[in-house]
Amino acid sequence: MNKPTAESIRRRGRVFPEIQWTEEQKAQHRARQQAFYERCWAIYEQLKPKLLDKYYGWYIAIEPDSGDYFIDPDQEVASRKAREKYPNVIHHIFGINETGVSGRI
């Protein structure tokens, strides 16, 4: 006859409880994200009139520091192209349409 084994205790909580952001750090992070988005959005708005007719429904990955952009019908491929040229830089993906939104609700 088998003896019942003791169940392990499930520990719930943060993975790294020692890492806690203050409200100031959270606000700074949000501000950096918003500034990055606005830089990318400005580039997208400049390119949109040229791209809308030919590439409607495609995706564009924008690297705001250089102003380079990568277009592809597949979101993952556009992102991969950006990562290949700029491996350690964050880029932003937009859908080439009237709103710039990629994805569906």
Protein backbone atom coordinates (compact mmCIF):
# COMPACT_ATOMS: atom_id res chain seq x y z
CA MET A 1 0.00 0.00 0.00
CA ASN A 2 1.28 3.45 -0.94
CA LYS A 3 1.71 6.13 1.65
CA PRO A 4 0.15 9.47 0.83
CA THR A 5 2.70 12.15 0.07
CA ALA A 6 2.56 15.55 1.65
CA GLU A 7 1.29 18.19 -0.74
CA SER A 8 3.67 20.99 -1.47
CA ILE A 9 2.61 24.42 -0.35
CA ARG A 10 1.79 26.77 -3.18
CA ARG A 11 3.43 30.08 -2.60
CA ARG A 12 1.62 33.01 -4.08
CA GLY A 13 2.97 36.47 -4.60
CA ARG A 14 5.47 38.36 -6.68
CA VAL A 15 8.27 36.51 -8.41
CA PHE A 16 10.77 39.13 -7.27
CA PRO A 17 9.25 40.77 -4.18
CA GLU A 18 12.40 42.82 -3.57
CA ILE A 19 11.77 44.75 -6.80
CA GLN A 20 9.10 47.31 -6.04
CA TRP A 21 8.73 50.45 -8.11
CA THR A 22 7.77 53.69 -6.44
CA GLU A 23 5.01 55.82 -7.94
CA GLU A 24 7.68 58.21 -9.18
CA GLN A 25 9.49 55.41 -11.04
CA LYS A 26 6.20 54.25 -12.56
CA ALA A 27 5.42 57.80 -13.72
CA GLN A 28 8.90 58.17 -15.25
CA HIS A 29 8.49 54.86 -17.09
CA ARG A 30 5.08 55.90 -18.44
CA ALA A 31 6.53 59.25 -19.56
CA ARG A 32 9.41 57.53 -21.39
CA GLN A 33 6.97 55.16 -23.11
CA GLN A 34 4.72 58.05 -24.15
CA ALA A 35 7.67 60.06 -25.50
CA PHE A 36 8.87 57.03 -27.50
CA TYR A 37 5.37 56.48 -28.91
CA GLU A 38 5.04 60.14 -29.90
CA ARG A 39 8.39 60.06 -31.75
CA CYS A 40 7.29 56.95 -33.65
CA TRP A 41 3.82 58.38 -34.32
CA ALA A 42 5.33 61.55 -35.85
CA ILE A 43 7.33 59.43 -38.32
CA TYR A 44 4.25 57.31 -39.09
CA GLU A 45 2.13 60.41 -39.76
CA GLN A 46 4.74 61.69 -42.24
CA LEU A 47 4.85 58.36 -44.09
CA LYS A 48 1.15 57.51 -44.00
CA PRO A 49 0.01 59.47 -47.10
CA LYS A 50 2.67 57.78 -49.25
CA LEU A 51 2.04 54.27 -47.92
CA LEU A 52 -1.74 54.14 -47.52
CA ASP A 53 -2.63 53.40 -51.16
CA LYS A 54 0.04 50.82 -51.94
CA TYR A 55 0.46 49.07 -48.56
CA TYR A 56 -2.98 49.28 -46.93
CA GLY A 57 -3.38 46.52 -44.34
CA TRP A 58 0.37 45.87 -44.07
CA TYR A 59 2.53 46.56 -41.01
CA ILE A 60 5.32 49.06 -40.47
CA ALA A 61 8.06 48.76 -37.83
CA ILE A 62 9.60 52.14 -37.01
CA GLU A 63 12.95 52.79 -35.32
CA PRO A 64 12.64 56.42 -34.18
CA ASP A 65 16.30 57.29 -33.55
CA SER A 66 17.36 56.68 -37.15
CA GLY A 67 13.95 57.19 -38.76
CA ASP A 68 14.25 53.84 -40.55
CA TYR A 69 11.14 51.80 -41.15
CA PHE A 70 10.39 48.29 -42.35
CA ILE A 71 7.20 47.27 -44.17
CA ASP A 72 5.76 43.79 -44.59
CA PRO A 73 2.30 42.18 -44.83
CA ASP A 74 3.21 40.03 -41.81
CA GLN A 75 3.69 41.80 -38.48
CA GLU A 76 6.31 39.31 -37.28
CA VAL A 77 8.40 39.67 -40.45
CA ALA A 78 8.36 43.48 -40.22
CA SER A 79 9.49 43.21 -36.60
CA ARG A 80 12.21 40.70 -37.54
CA LYS A 81 13.54 43.00 -40.26
CA ALA A 82 13.84 45.81 -37.71
CA ARG A 83 15.57 43.53 -35.19
CA GLU A 84 18.04 42.29 -37.82
CA LYS A 85 19.21 45.79 -38.68
CA TYR A 86 18.94 47.18 -35.13
CA PRO A 87 19.32 44.18 -32.78
CA ASN A 88 19.44 46.00 -29.43
CA VAL A 89 16.99 48.81 -30.16
CA ILE A 90 13.28 48.97 -29.41
CA HIS A 91 10.98 49.65 -32.36
CA HIS A 92 7.24 50.30 -32.64
CA ILE A 93 4.76 48.51 -34.91
CA PHE A 94 1.85 50.28 -36.59
CA GLY A 95 -0.76 48.94 -38.97
CA ILE A 96 -0.84 50.87 -42.23
CA ASN A 97 -4.40 52.15 -42.19
CA GLU A 98 -6.28 55.31 -41.24
CA THR A 99 -5.74 54.85 -37.49
CA GLY A 100 -2.37 53.08 -37.30
CA VAL A 101 -3.83 50.35 -35.13
CA SER A 102 -2.67 46.80 -35.71
CA GLY A 103 -4.93 43.98 -34.59
CA ARG A 104 -8.62 43.37 -34.17
CA ILE A 105 -11.09 43.78 -31.37
